[in-house]
Amino acid sequence: MKIDKERKRFLKQELKEYEKVTPMTDDERAALREWVKDGNSVHENGAMAVYEGGRPMDFLDVYRHDEEIRKALATMSYEEGSRYLLEEYGIDRGGIMTPKPPTYEELMKKANRLYRTCSLYWEVLVANDLRDEAYEYVREHIDEEWPFELIDRDIAQ
């Protein structure tokens, strides 16, 4: 891909500033530099992944997440890895992106865990005298629509 001189200069300067403030390993630095050399910004990624607000995720954040997955898969058999990818990310190695629906027992277990997590958070708020502020915040925001609301996520894992 041919990159015009102005963009190339901008990307190099952006990379230089990013490297100053972002700790990274030598492997991460090499991958990031290769990414920028190919004409991409440090604030873009090939997976088109975005942060909650819709801003593209930095290349390095996606790279690190992918490395975590690779490391996890390296310790598993193919079957265990396939199960992990399906359960954690909804990825079927056959290319289908939809996991099988959870059973009633799995849903109950997840609901109980979420309820327990909320209760524990509430105990921390009460212990730190933040109950009234938390109650008011929940009351004000409970009906707001969240981005990606239909995505299945379990923050208590």
C-alpha atoms as a PDB file:
ATOM      1  CA  MET A   1       0.000   0.000   0.000  1.00  0.00           C
ATOM      2  CA  LYS A   2       1.379   3.392  -1.001  1.00  0.00           C
ATOM      3  CA  ILE A   3       1.196   5.938   1.801  1.00  0.00           C
ATOM      4  CA  ASP A   4       1.499   9.635   1.036  1.00  0.00           C
ATOM      5  CA  LYS A   5       4.348  11.494   2.712  1.00  0.00           C
ATOM      6  CA  GLU A   6       2.125  13.672   4.901  1.00  0.00           C
ATOM      7  CA  ARG A   7       0.233  10.705   6.349  1.00  0.00           C
ATOM      8  CA  LYS A   8       3.476   8.797   6.836  1.00  0.00           C
ATOM      9  CA  ARG A   9       4.965  11.732   8.759  1.00  0.00           C
ATOM     10  CA  PHE A  10       1.824  12.063  10.864  1.00  0.00           C
ATOM     11  CA  LEU A  11       1.771   8.330  11.691  1.00  0.00           C
ATOM     12  CA  LYS A  12       5.457   8.356  12.657  1.00  0.00           C
ATOM     13  CA  GLN A  13       4.934  11.338  14.983  1.00  0.00           C
ATOM     14  CA  GLU A  14       1.836   9.727  16.483  1.00  0.00           C
ATOM     15  CA  LEU A  15       3.792   6.502  17.073  1.00  0.00           C
ATOM     16  CA  LYS A  16       6.656   8.395  18.699  1.00  0.00           C
ATOM     17  CA  GLU A  17       4.303  10.176  21.116  1.00  0.00           C
ATOM     18  CA  TYR A  18       2.403   6.970  21.844  1.00  0.00           C
ATOM     19  CA  GLU A  19       5.592   5.054  22.634  1.00  0.00           C
ATOM     20  CA  LYS A  20       6.649   7.769  25.090  1.00  0.00           C
ATOM     21  CA  VAL A  21       3.566   7.345  27.268  1.00  0.00           C
ATOM     22  CA  THR A  22       2.645   3.697  26.737  1.00  0.00           C
ATOM     23  CA  PRO A  23       4.626   0.935  28.450  1.00  0.00           C
ATOM     24  CA  MET A  24       5.088  -2.093  26.191  1.00  0.00           C
ATOM     25  CA  THR A  25       7.243  -5.136  25.671  1.00  0.00           C
ATOM     26  CA  ASP A  26       9.734  -5.452  22.819  1.00  0.00           C
ATOM     27  CA  ASP A  27       7.373  -7.840  20.982  1.00  0.00           C
ATOM     28  CA  GLU A  28       4.479  -5.393  21.384  1.00  0.00           C
ATOM     29  CA  ARG A  29       6.673  -2.529  20.163  1.00  0.00           C
ATOM     30  CA  ALA A  30       7.734  -4.517  17.082  1.00  0.00           C
ATOM     31  CA  ALA A  31       4.140  -5.458  16.235  1.00  0.00           C
ATOM     32  CA  LEU A  32       2.977  -1.861  16.737  1.00  0.00           C
ATOM     33  CA  ARG A  33       5.749  -0.469  14.536  1.00  0.00           C
ATOM     34  CA  GLU A  34       4.913  -2.959  11.796  1.00  0.00           C
ATOM     35  CA  TRP A  35       1.246  -1.929  12.048  1.00  0.00           C
ATOM     36  CA  VAL A  36       2.131   1.752  11.671  1.00  0.00           C
ATOM     37  CA  LYS A  37       4.637   1.012   8.882  1.00  0.00           C
ATOM     38  CA  ASP A  38       1.732  -0.520   6.929  1.00  0.00           C
ATOM     39  CA  GLY A  39      -0.044   2.854   7.056  1.00  0.00           C
ATOM     40  CA  ASN A  40      -2.218   2.447  10.131  1.00  0.00           C
ATOM     41  CA  SER A  41      -2.699   4.626  13.195  1.00  0.00           C
ATOM     42  CA  VAL A  42      -1.828   3.378  16.680  1.00  0.00           C
ATOM     43  CA  HIS A  43      -5.461   4.193  17.500  1.00  0.00           C
ATOM     44  CA  GLU A  44      -6.877   1.745  14.916  1.00  0.00           C
ATOM     45  CA  ASN A  45      -7.043  -2.033  14.786  1.00  0.00           C
ATOM     46  CA  GLY A  46      -7.624  -4.680  12.163  1.00  0.00           C
ATOM     47  CA  ALA A  47     -10.487  -6.285  14.078  1.00  0.00           C
ATOM     48  CA  MET A  48     -12.559  -3.078  13.930  1.00  0.00           C
ATOM     49  CA  ALA A  49     -13.007  -3.418  17.720  1.00  0.00           C
ATOM     50  CA  VAL A  50     -14.288  -0.355  19.563  1.00  0.00           C
ATOM     51  CA  TYR A  51     -14.379   0.899  23.141  1.00  0.00           C
ATOM     52  CA  GLU A  52     -17.768   1.328  24.804  1.00  0.00           C
ATOM     53  CA  GLY A  53     -18.238   4.840  23.427  1.00  0.00           C
ATOM     54  CA  GLY A  54     -17.707   3.645  19.858  1.00  0.00           C
ATOM     55  CA  ARG A  55     -14.136   4.943  19.482  1.00  0.00           C
ATOM     56  CA  PRO A  56     -11.810   2.430  17.783  1.00  0.00           C
ATOM     57  CA  MET A  57      -9.634   0.481  20.214  1.00  0.00           C
ATOM     58  CA  ASP A  58      -5.905   1.083  20.068  1.00  0.00           C
ATOM     59  CA  PHE A  59      -3.954  -1.527  18.134  1.00  0.00           C
ATOM     60  CA  LEU A  60      -1.987  -2.459  21.255  1.00  0.00           C
ATOM     61  CA  ASP A  61      -5.105  -3.150  23.352  1.00  0.00           C
ATOM     62  CA  VAL A  62      -6.435  -5.557  20.716  1.00  0.00           C
ATOM     63  CA  TYR A  63      -2.990  -7.110  20.261  1.00  0.00           C
ATOM     64  CA  ARG A  64      -2.700  -7.725  24.018  1.00  0.00           C
ATOM     65  CA  HIS A  65      -6.163  -9.268  24.188  1.00  0.00           C
ATOM     66  CA  ASP A  66      -5.337 -11.557  21.269  1.00  0.00           C
ATOM     67  CA  GLU A  67      -2.092 -12.562  22.997  1.00  0.00           C
ATOM     68  CA  GLU A  68      -4.028 -13.476  26.160  1.00  0.00           C
ATOM     69  CA  ILE A  69      -6.286 -15.712  24.098  1.00  0.00           C
ATOM     70  CA  ARG A  70      -3.310 -17.311  22.329  1.00  0.00           C
ATOM     71  CA  LYS A  71      -1.605 -18.013  25.673  1.00  0.00           C
ATOM     72  CA  ALA A  72      -4.779 -19.514  27.120  1.00  0.00           C
ATOM     73  CA  LEU A  73      -5.260 -21.732  24.062  1.00  0.00           C
ATOM     74  CA  ALA A  74      -1.620 -22.883  24.171  1.00  0.00           C
ATOM     75  CA  THR A  75      -2.278 -24.706  27.465  1.00  0.00           C
ATOM     76  CA  MET A  76      -5.436 -26.451  26.211  1.00  0.00           C
ATOM     77  CA  SER A  77      -6.241 -29.360  23.981  1.00  0.00           C
ATOM     78  CA  TYR A  78      -8.052 -28.572  20.738  1.00  0.00           C
ATOM     79  CA  GLU A  79     -11.386 -29.631  22.289  1.00  0.00           C
ATOM     80  CA  GLU A  80     -10.790 -27.577  25.456  1.00  0.00           C
ATOM     81  CA  GLY A  81      -9.762 -24.588  23.343  1.00  0.00           C
ATOM     82  CA  SER A  82     -12.846 -24.913  21.172  1.00  0.00           C
ATOM     83  CA  ARG A  83     -15.058 -25.031  24.262  1.00  0.00           C
ATOM     84  CA  TYR A  84     -13.225 -21.993  25.746  1.00  0.00           C
ATOM     85  CA  LEU A  85     -13.647 -19.935  22.573  1.00  0.00           C
ATOM     86  CA  LEU A  86     -17.321 -20.836  22.320  1.00  0.00           C
ATOM     87  CA  GLU A  87     -18.126 -20.136  25.980  1.00  0.00           C
ATOM     88  CA  GLU A  88     -16.050 -16.971  26.385  1.00  0.00           C
ATOM     89  CA  TYR A  89     -16.396 -15.339  22.964  1.00  0.00           C
ATOM     90  CA  GLY A  90     -19.184 -17.152  21.111  1.00  0.00           C
ATOM     91  CA  ILE A  91     -16.691 -18.331  18.490  1.00  0.00           C
ATOM     92  CA  ASP A  92     -17.087 -21.750  16.976  1.00  0.00           C
ATOM     93  CA  ARG A  93     -13.871 -22.864  15.312  1.00  0.00           C
ATOM     94  CA  GLY A  94     -16.064 -24.051  12.455  1.00  0.00           C
ATOM     95  CA  GLY A  95     -16.811 -20.383  11.762  1.00  0.00           C
ATOM     96  CA  ILE A  96     -20.257 -20.066  13.332  1.00  0.00           C
ATOM     97  CA  MET A  97     -20.479 -17.154  15.779  1.00  0.00           C
ATOM     98  CA  THR A  98     -23.419 -18.340  17.879  1.00  0.00           C
ATOM     99  CA  PRO A  99     -23.026 -20.583  20.917  1.00  0.00           C
ATOM    100  CA  LYS A 100     -25.726 -23.047  21.826  1.00  0.00           C
ATOM    101  CA  PRO A 101     -28.395 -21.565  24.076  1.00  0.00           C
ATOM    102  CA  PRO A 102     -27.691 -22.000  27.802  1.00  0.00           C
ATOM    103  CA  THR A 103     -29.668 -24.526  29.795  1.00  0.00           C
ATOM    104  CA  TYR A 104     -32.078 -23.483  32.519  1.00  0.00           C
ATOM    105  CA  GLU A 105     -29.545 -24.593  35.149  1.00  0.00           C
ATOM    106  CA  GLU A 106     -26.792 -22.517  33.528  1.00  0.00           C
ATOM    107  CA  LEU A 107     -29.059 -19.467  33.451  1.00  0.00           C
ATOM    108  CA  MET A 108     -29.993 -19.952  37.100  1.00  0.00           C
ATOM    109  CA  LYS A 109     -26.331 -20.306  38.068  1.00  0.00           C
ATOM    110  CA  LYS A 110     -25.469 -17.111  36.169  1.00  0.00           C
ATOM    111  CA  ALA A 111     -28.444 -15.225  37.660  1.00  0.00           C
ATOM    112  CA  ASN A 112     -27.455 -16.322  41.173  1.00  0.00           C
ATOM    113  CA  ARG A 113     -23.867 -15.235  40.580  1.00  0.00           C
ATOM    114  CA  LEU A 114     -24.972 -11.826  39.278  1.00  0.00           C
ATOM    115  CA  TYR A 115     -27.333 -11.376  42.241  1.00  0.00           C
ATOM    116  CA  ARG A 116     -24.542 -12.288  44.637  1.00  0.00           C
ATOM    117  CA  THR A 117     -22.154  -9.887  42.865  1.00  0.00           C
ATOM    118  CA  CYS A 118     -24.671  -7.044  43.128  1.00  0.00           C
ATOM    119  CA  SER A 119     -25.209  -7.794  46.806  1.00  0.00           C
ATOM    120  CA  LEU A 120     -21.480  -7.718  47.489  1.00  0.00           C
ATOM    121  CA  TYR A 121     -21.102  -4.414  45.622  1.00  0.00           C
ATOM    122  CA  TRP A 122     -23.996  -3.031  47.676  1.00  0.00           C
ATOM    123  CA  GLU A 123     -22.257  -4.067  50.904  1.00  0.00           C
ATOM    124  CA  VAL A 124     -19.144  -2.124  49.840  1.00  0.00           C
ATOM    125  CA  LEU A 125     -21.243   0.962  49.033  1.00  0.00           C
ATOM    126  CA  VAL A 126     -23.018   0.804  52.396  1.00  0.00           C
ATOM    127  CA  ALA A 127     -19.743   0.234  54.270  1.00  0.00           C
ATOM    128  CA  ASN A 128     -18.313   3.360  52.625  1.00  0.00           C
ATOM    129  CA  ASP A 129     -21.416   5.450  53.345  1.00  0.00           C
ATOM    130  CA  LEU A 130     -22.335   5.705  49.644  1.00  0.00           C
ATOM    131  CA  ARG A 131     -25.730   4.025  49.827  1.00  0.00           C
ATOM    132  CA  ASP A 132     -27.814   7.148  49.225  1.00  0.00           C
ATOM    133  CA  GLU A 133     -25.678   8.280  46.278  1.00  0.00           C
ATOM    134  CA  ALA A 134     -25.811   4.803  44.746  1.00  0.00           C
ATOM    135  CA  TYR A 135     -29.569   4.541  45.221  1.00  0.00           C
ATOM    136  CA  GLU A 136     -30.105   7.947  43.583  1.00  0.00           C
ATOM    137  CA  TYR A 137     -27.793   7.106  40.679  1.00  0.00           C
ATOM    138  CA  VAL A 138     -29.586   3.813  40.027  1.00  0.00           C
ATOM    139  CA  ARG A 139     -32.984   5.514  40.222  1.00  0.00           C
ATOM    140  CA  GLU A 140     -31.889   8.155  37.668  1.00  0.00           C
ATOM    141  CA  HIS A 141     -30.274   5.760  35.189  1.00  0.00           C
ATOM    142  CA  ILE A 142     -32.095   2.424  35.494  1.00  0.00           C
ATOM    143  CA  ASP A 143     -34.173   2.910  32.334  1.00  0.00           C
ATOM    144  CA  GLU A 144     -31.412   4.272  30.111  1.00  0.00           C
ATOM    145  CA  GLU A 145     -30.454   2.212  27.086  1.00  0.00           C
ATOM    146  CA  TRP A 146     -26.905   0.873  27.145  1.00  0.00           C
ATOM    147  CA  PRO A 147     -24.742   0.301  24.099  1.00  0.00           C
ATOM    148  CA  PHE A 148     -24.401  -3.380  23.295  1.00  0.00           C
ATOM    149  CA  GLU A 149     -27.145  -4.204  25.824  1.00  0.00           C
ATOM    150  CA  LEU A 150     -27.967  -7.499  24.144  1.00  0.00           C
ATOM    151  CA  ILE A 151     -24.407  -8.793  24.392  1.00  0.00           C
ATOM    152  CA  ASP A 152     -24.080 -11.564  26.964  1.00  0.00           C
ATOM    153  CA  ARG A 153     -21.432 -10.542  29.475  1.00  0.00           C
ATOM    154  CA  ASP A 154     -20.631 -11.777  32.937  1.00  0.00           C
ATOM    155  CA  ILE A 155     -18.624  -9.181  34.869  1.00  0.00           C
ATOM    156  CA  ALA A 156     -18.387 -11.387  37.939  1.00  0.00           C
ATOM    157  CA  GLN A 157     -16.221 -14.125  36.477  1.00  0.00           C
END
